[in-house]
Amino acid sequence: LANQDSSLHFALLTDFPDAPQQTLPGDEALVRRARAGIDALNEKYRGTRNDNGDDTFFLFHRPRRWNAEERTWMGYERKRGKLEELNGLLRGADVDRFSHIVGDIGVLSNVKFVITLDTDTQLPRDSARQFVGAIAHPLNRPYFDPVRQRVTEGYGILQPRVAVSLPGTNRSLYARLYGGEPGIDP
């Protein structure tokens, strides 16, 4: 997360695994452990990552909700739901979608850019800066058409090239099938 003043914030968006019931033994222990980790990071880096001593690291944890179609308790819409609810919170929506929030979210009111990474994403050095530079360029600024309810000029989302790493192509038959020949560009 990047604010207009160029300060960076890092958020961990979490859900519990799908389950046959809303809560399981051990759920609260996991949340306490995550909270302790985020608190320790904020204490360790207080004042070093941004000039005003605000929290830099955040935890946004969502509760399980009943999904009748999948007949299980799960985080709403899994990954897409996490991003939708985080962006809603950043735009001023209620915080009730998250059961646990760690960090003072008041500093997030000026967030202008969100970069999302999965656990298997590799972010090359300086690429985040290049993404922000590209999307912040005046010719790329998004224009939201209120009548059509969508971005009609510029960019609202940038997606980098997606590739499979060489070791990743051997993880499963599916990965080998869709990994293709990497050619000379690994």
C-alpha atoms as a PDB file:
ATOM      1  CA  LEU A   1       0.000   0.000   0.000  1.00  0.00           C
ATOM      2  CA  ALA A   2       1.441   3.377  -0.946  1.00  0.00           C
ATOM      3  CA  ASN A   3       0.140   6.705   0.352  1.00  0.00           C
ATOM      4  CA  GLN A   4       0.155   9.945  -1.601  1.00  0.00           C
ATOM      5  CA  ASP A   5       3.113  11.073   0.527  1.00  0.00           C
ATOM      6  CA  SER A   6       5.099   8.020  -0.723  1.00  0.00           C
ATOM      7  CA  SER A   7       5.020   6.222   2.635  1.00  0.00           C
ATOM      8  CA  LEU A   8       4.665   2.465   2.276  1.00  0.00           C
ATOM      9  CA  HIS A   9       2.508   0.124   4.313  1.00  0.00           C
ATOM     10  CA  PHE A  10       2.339  -3.656   4.195  1.00  0.00           C
ATOM     11  CA  ALA A  11      -0.858  -5.562   4.879  1.00  0.00           C
ATOM     12  CA  LEU A  12      -1.378  -9.259   5.445  1.00  0.00           C
ATOM     13  CA  LEU A  13      -4.878 -10.370   4.383  1.00  0.00           C
ATOM     14  CA  THR A  14      -5.851 -13.666   5.985  1.00  0.00           C
ATOM     15  CA  ASP A  15      -8.688 -16.165   6.199  1.00  0.00           C
ATOM     16  CA  PHE A  16      -8.946 -19.406   8.092  1.00  0.00           C
ATOM     17  CA  PRO A  17      -9.015 -22.575   5.981  1.00  0.00           C
ATOM     18  CA  ASP A  18     -12.438 -23.819   4.887  1.00  0.00           C
ATOM     19  CA  ALA A  19     -14.144 -25.809   7.646  1.00  0.00           C
ATOM     20  CA  PRO A  20     -17.332 -27.726   8.449  1.00  0.00           C
ATOM     21  CA  GLN A  21     -18.145 -25.200  11.215  1.00  0.00           C
ATOM     22  CA  GLN A  22     -17.661 -21.478  11.741  1.00  0.00           C
ATOM     23  CA  THR A  23     -14.950 -21.781  14.367  1.00  0.00           C
ATOM     24  CA  LEU A  24     -12.440 -24.485  15.136  1.00  0.00           C
ATOM     25  CA  PRO A  25     -10.232 -25.092  18.144  1.00  0.00           C
ATOM     26  CA  GLY A  26      -6.973 -23.291  17.532  1.00  0.00           C
ATOM     27  CA  ASP A  27      -8.450 -20.443  15.455  1.00  0.00           C
ATOM     28  CA  GLU A  28      -7.915 -17.826  18.145  1.00  0.00           C
ATOM     29  CA  ALA A  29      -4.372 -19.052  18.811  1.00  0.00           C
ATOM     30  CA  LEU A  30      -3.530 -18.502  15.132  1.00  0.00           C
ATOM     31  CA  VAL A  31      -4.929 -14.973  15.233  1.00  0.00           C
ATOM     32  CA  ARG A  32      -3.003 -14.205  18.448  1.00  0.00           C
ATOM     33  CA  ARG A  33       0.207 -15.445  16.808  1.00  0.00           C
ATOM     34  CA  ALA A  34      -0.382 -13.316  13.698  1.00  0.00           C
ATOM     35  CA  ARG A  35      -1.201 -10.281  15.880  1.00  0.00           C
ATOM     36  CA  ALA A  36       1.994 -10.771  17.881  1.00  0.00           C
ATOM     37  CA  GLY A  37       4.022 -10.967  14.660  1.00  0.00           C
ATOM     38  CA  ILE A  38       2.519  -7.774  13.227  1.00  0.00           C
ATOM     39  CA  ASP A  39       2.959  -5.959  16.557  1.00  0.00           C
ATOM     40  CA  ALA A  40       6.606  -7.090  16.693  1.00  0.00           C
ATOM     41  CA  LEU A  41       7.241  -5.845  13.140  1.00  0.00           C
ATOM     42  CA  ASN A  42       5.665  -2.460  13.927  1.00  0.00           C
ATOM     43  CA  GLU A  43       7.767  -2.165  17.074  1.00  0.00           C
ATOM     44  CA  LYS A  44      10.973  -3.187  15.305  1.00  0.00           C
ATOM     45  CA  TYR A  45      10.517  -0.801  12.377  1.00  0.00           C
ATOM     46  CA  ARG A  46       8.727   2.094  14.121  1.00  0.00           C
ATOM     47  CA  GLY A  47      10.055   5.324  12.647  1.00  0.00           C
ATOM     48  CA  THR A  48      12.456   3.606  10.258  1.00  0.00           C
ATOM     49  CA  ARG A  49      10.094   2.957   7.339  1.00  0.00           C
ATOM     50  CA  ASN A  50       8.170   6.221   7.551  1.00  0.00           C
ATOM     51  CA  ASP A  51       9.051   9.526   9.148  1.00  0.00           C
ATOM     52  CA  ASN A  52       6.051  10.014  11.425  1.00  0.00           C
ATOM     53  CA  GLY A  53       6.197   6.769  13.428  1.00  0.00           C
ATOM     54  CA  ASP A  54       2.869   5.432  12.140  1.00  0.00           C
ATOM     55  CA  ASP A  55       2.235   1.726  11.873  1.00  0.00           C
ATOM     56  CA  THR A  56       3.771   0.198   8.767  1.00  0.00           C
ATOM     57  CA  PHE A  57       2.466  -3.367   9.038  1.00  0.00           C
ATOM     58  CA  PHE A  58      -1.177  -4.419   9.243  1.00  0.00           C
ATOM     59  CA  LEU A  59      -3.215  -7.575   9.653  1.00  0.00           C
ATOM     60  CA  PHE A  60      -6.703  -7.841   8.184  1.00  0.00           C
ATOM     61  CA  HIS A  61      -8.287 -11.156   9.134  1.00  0.00           C
ATOM     62  CA  ARG A  62     -11.740 -12.241   7.985  1.00  0.00           C
ATOM     63  CA  PRO A  63     -14.099 -14.668   9.692  1.00  0.00           C
ATOM     64  CA  ARG A  64     -15.542 -17.734   8.032  1.00  0.00           C
ATOM     65  CA  ARG A  65     -18.985 -17.270   6.493  1.00  0.00           C
ATOM     66  CA  TRP A  66     -21.386 -19.960   5.384  1.00  0.00           C
ATOM     67  CA  ASN A  67     -21.232 -20.617   1.633  1.00  0.00           C
ATOM     68  CA  ALA A  68     -24.369 -22.549   0.714  1.00  0.00           C
ATOM     69  CA  GLU A  69     -23.136 -23.328  -2.804  1.00  0.00           C
ATOM     70  CA  GLU A  70     -19.927 -24.957  -1.584  1.00  0.00           C
ATOM     71  CA  ARG A  71     -21.590 -26.184   1.631  1.00  0.00           C
ATOM     72  CA  THR A  72     -18.723 -25.042   3.829  1.00  0.00           C
ATOM     73  CA  TRP A  73     -17.631 -22.247   6.137  1.00  0.00           C
ATOM     74  CA  MET A  74     -15.016 -20.139   4.356  1.00  0.00           C
ATOM     75  CA  GLY A  75     -13.678 -16.631   3.798  1.00  0.00           C
ATOM     76  CA  TYR A  76     -16.090 -14.774   1.506  1.00  0.00           C
ATOM     77  CA  GLU A  77     -14.987 -15.190  -2.139  1.00  0.00           C
ATOM     78  CA  ARG A  78     -11.523 -16.235  -0.960  1.00  0.00           C
ATOM     79  CA  LYS A  79      -8.854 -14.130  -2.741  1.00  0.00           C
ATOM     80  CA  ARG A  80     -11.135 -11.867  -4.774  1.00  0.00           C
ATOM     81  CA  GLY A  81     -13.218 -11.209  -1.661  1.00  0.00           C
ATOM     82  CA  LYS A  82     -10.153 -10.243   0.368  1.00  0.00           C
ATOM     83  CA  LEU A  83      -9.102  -7.685  -2.219  1.00  0.00           C
ATOM     84  CA  GLU A  84     -12.645  -6.357  -2.647  1.00  0.00           C
ATOM     85  CA  GLU A  85     -13.093  -5.919   1.088  1.00  0.00           C
ATOM     86  CA  LEU A  86      -9.651  -4.336   1.563  1.00  0.00           C
ATOM     87  CA  ASN A  87     -10.313  -1.840  -1.213  1.00  0.00           C
ATOM     88  CA  GLY A  88     -13.721  -1.121   0.305  1.00  0.00           C
ATOM     89  CA  LEU A  89     -12.098  -0.434   3.670  1.00  0.00           C
ATOM     90  CA  LEU A  90      -9.533   1.856   2.032  1.00  0.00           C
ATOM     91  CA  ARG A  91     -12.391   3.792   0.400  1.00  0.00           C
ATOM     92  CA  GLY A  92     -14.180   4.238   3.720  1.00  0.00           C
ATOM     93  CA  ALA A  93     -16.453   1.180   4.018  1.00  0.00           C
ATOM     94  CA  ASP A  94     -17.187  -0.299   7.427  1.00  0.00           C
ATOM     95  CA  VAL A  95     -14.517  -2.444   9.007  1.00  0.00           C
ATOM     96  CA  ASP A  96     -17.069  -5.131   9.947  1.00  0.00           C
ATOM     97  CA  ARG A  97     -15.926  -7.434   7.127  1.00  0.00           C
ATOM     98  CA  PHE A  98     -12.766  -8.127   9.129  1.00  0.00           C
ATOM     99  CA  SER A  99     -12.951  -9.890  12.473  1.00  0.00           C
ATOM    100  CA  HIS A 100      -9.446  -8.793  13.478  1.00  0.00           C
ATOM    101  CA  ILE A 101      -7.523  -5.695  12.416  1.00  0.00           C
ATOM    102  CA  VAL A 102      -4.044  -5.048  13.755  1.00  0.00           C
ATOM    103  CA  GLY A 103      -2.490  -1.615  13.264  1.00  0.00           C
ATOM    104  CA  ASP A 104      -3.845   1.927  13.290  1.00  0.00           C
ATOM    105  CA  ILE A 105      -5.772   2.038  10.004  1.00  0.00           C
ATOM    106  CA  GLY A 106      -6.199   5.805  10.208  1.00  0.00           C
ATOM    107  CA  VAL A 107      -2.929   6.181   8.314  1.00  0.00           C
ATOM    108  CA  LEU A 108      -4.405   4.225   5.394  1.00  0.00           C
ATOM    109  CA  SER A 109      -6.974   6.884   4.469  1.00  0.00           C
ATOM    110  CA  ASN A 110      -4.598   8.338   1.858  1.00  0.00           C
ATOM    111  CA  VAL A 111      -3.586   5.070   0.205  1.00  0.00           C
ATOM    112  CA  LYS A 112      -3.393   5.633  -3.515  1.00  0.00           C
ATOM    113  CA  PHE A 113      -1.880   2.386  -4.831  1.00  0.00           C
ATOM    114  CA  VAL A 114      -2.326  -1.248  -3.866  1.00  0.00           C
ATOM    115  CA  ILE A 115       0.063  -3.942  -5.078  1.00  0.00           C
ATOM    116  CA  THR A 116      -1.024  -7.500  -4.359  1.00  0.00           C
ATOM    117  CA  LEU A 117       1.305 -10.471  -4.089  1.00  0.00           C
ATOM    118  CA  ASP A 118       0.509 -14.141  -3.617  1.00  0.00           C
ATOM    119  CA  THR A 119       2.777 -16.403  -1.621  1.00  0.00           C
ATOM    120  CA  ASP A 120       4.334 -17.710  -4.829  1.00  0.00           C
ATOM    121  CA  THR A 121       4.846 -14.271  -6.428  1.00  0.00           C
ATOM    122  CA  GLN A 122       8.361 -13.128  -7.117  1.00  0.00           C
ATOM    123  CA  LEU A 123       8.664  -9.338  -7.196  1.00  0.00           C
ATOM    124  CA  PRO A 124      11.932  -8.326  -8.876  1.00  0.00           C
ATOM    125  CA  ARG A 125      13.865  -5.433  -7.375  1.00  0.00           C
ATOM    126  CA  ASP A 126      12.485  -1.990  -8.306  1.00  0.00           C
ATOM    127  CA  SER A 127       9.481  -3.425 -10.152  1.00  0.00           C
ATOM    128  CA  ALA A 128       6.999  -2.057  -7.585  1.00  0.00           C
ATOM    129  CA  ARG A 129       8.477   1.426  -8.102  1.00  0.00           C
ATOM    130  CA  GLN A 130       8.146   0.981 -11.876  1.00  0.00           C
ATOM    131  CA  PHE A 131       4.487  -0.080 -11.523  1.00  0.00           C
ATOM    132  CA  VAL A 132       3.681   2.938  -9.375  1.00  0.00           C
ATOM    133  CA  GLY A 133       5.560   5.205 -11.799  1.00  0.00           C
ATOM    134  CA  ALA A 134       3.633   3.823 -14.774  1.00  0.00           C
ATOM    135  CA  ILE A 135       0.208   4.082 -13.184  1.00  0.00           C
ATOM    136  CA  ALA A 136       0.938   7.537 -11.691  1.00  0.00           C
ATOM    137  CA  HIS A 137       1.969   8.990 -15.062  1.00  0.00           C
ATOM    138  CA  PRO A 138      -0.533  11.720 -16.075  1.00  0.00           C
ATOM    139  CA  LEU A 139      -1.415   9.976 -19.355  1.00  0.00           C
ATOM    140  CA  ASN A 140      -2.271   6.762 -17.516  1.00  0.00           C
ATOM    141  CA  ARG A 141      -4.415   8.235 -14.734  1.00  0.00           C
ATOM    142  CA  PRO A 142      -7.794   6.528 -14.632  1.00  0.00           C
ATOM    143  CA  TYR A 143     -10.965   8.415 -15.476  1.00  0.00           C
ATOM    144  CA  PHE A 144     -14.005   6.857 -13.835  1.00  0.00           C
ATOM    145  CA  ASP A 145     -17.180   7.427 -15.831  1.00  0.00           C
ATOM    146  CA  PRO A 146     -20.007   7.723 -13.266  1.00  0.00           C
ATOM    147  CA  VAL A 147     -22.663   6.927 -15.884  1.00  0.00           C
ATOM    148  CA  ARG A 148     -21.000   3.772 -17.194  1.00  0.00           C
ATOM    149  CA  GLN A 149     -19.638   2.889 -13.730  1.00  0.00           C
ATOM    150  CA  ARG A 150     -16.189   1.946 -14.999  1.00  0.00           C
ATOM    151  CA  VAL A 151     -12.772   3.322 -15.880  1.00  0.00           C
ATOM    152  CA  THR A 152     -12.994   4.574 -19.469  1.00  0.00           C
ATOM    153  CA  GLU A 153      -9.549   6.181 -19.849  1.00  0.00           C
ATOM    154  CA  GLY A 154      -6.174   5.436 -18.326  1.00  0.00           C
ATOM    155  CA  TYR A 155      -5.608   2.446 -16.083  1.00  0.00           C
ATOM    156  CA  GLY A 156      -7.223   1.269 -12.884  1.00  0.00           C
ATOM    157  CA  ILE A 157      -5.251  -1.984 -12.799  1.00  0.00           C
ATOM    158  CA  LEU A 158      -1.852  -3.015 -14.133  1.00  0.00           C
ATOM    159  CA  GLN A 159      -1.037  -6.688 -14.520  1.00  0.00           C
ATOM    160  CA  PRO A 160       2.554  -7.714 -15.129  1.00  0.00           C
ATOM    161  CA  ARG A 161       3.594 -10.573 -17.331  1.00  0.00           C
ATOM    162  CA  VAL A 162       2.703 -13.896 -15.768  1.00  0.00           C
ATOM    163  CA  ALA A 163       5.220 -16.682 -16.147  1.00  0.00           C
ATOM    164  CA  VAL A 164       5.925 -20.039 -14.583  1.00  0.00           C
ATOM    165  CA  SER A 165       9.304 -20.541 -12.935  1.00  0.00           C
ATOM    166  CA  LEU A 166      11.412 -23.403 -14.202  1.00  0.00           C
ATOM    167  CA  PRO A 167      11.211 -25.386 -10.919  1.00  0.00           C
ATOM    168  CA  GLY A 168       7.462 -24.670 -10.751  1.00  0.00           C
ATOM    169  CA  THR A 169       6.748 -26.463 -14.026  1.00  0.00           C
ATOM    170  CA  ASN A 170       7.583 -29.815 -12.450  1.00  0.00           C
ATOM    171  CA  ARG A 171       5.277 -29.525  -9.435  1.00  0.00           C
ATOM    172  CA  SER A 172       2.328 -31.304 -11.041  1.00  0.00           C
ATOM    173  CA  LEU A 173       0.985 -32.700 -14.296  1.00  0.00           C
ATOM    174  CA  TYR A 174      -1.246 -29.607 -14.579  1.00  0.00           C
ATOM    175  CA  ALA A 175       1.756 -27.277 -14.203  1.00  0.00           C
ATOM    176  CA  ARG A 176       3.716 -29.243 -16.813  1.00  0.00           C
ATOM    177  CA  LEU A 177       0.756 -29.156 -19.187  1.00  0.00           C
ATOM    178  CA  TYR A 178       0.208 -25.399 -18.901  1.00  0.00           C
ATOM    179  CA  GLY A 179       3.790 -24.381 -18.142  1.00  0.00           C
ATOM    180  CA  GLY A 180       4.774 -24.891 -21.754  1.00  0.00           C
ATOM    181  CA  GLU A 181       8.253 -24.573 -23.137  1.00  0.00           C
ATOM    182  CA  PRO A 182      10.074 -21.703 -21.431  1.00  0.00           C
ATOM    183  CA  GLY A 183      12.294 -21.154 -24.457  1.00  0.00           C
ATOM    184  CA  ILE A 184      15.297 -18.931 -23.768  1.00  0.00           C
ATOM    185  CA  ASP A 185      13.498 -16.473 -21.451  1.00  0.00           C
ATOM    186  CA  PRO A 186      13.659 -18.052 -17.973  1.00  0.00           C
END
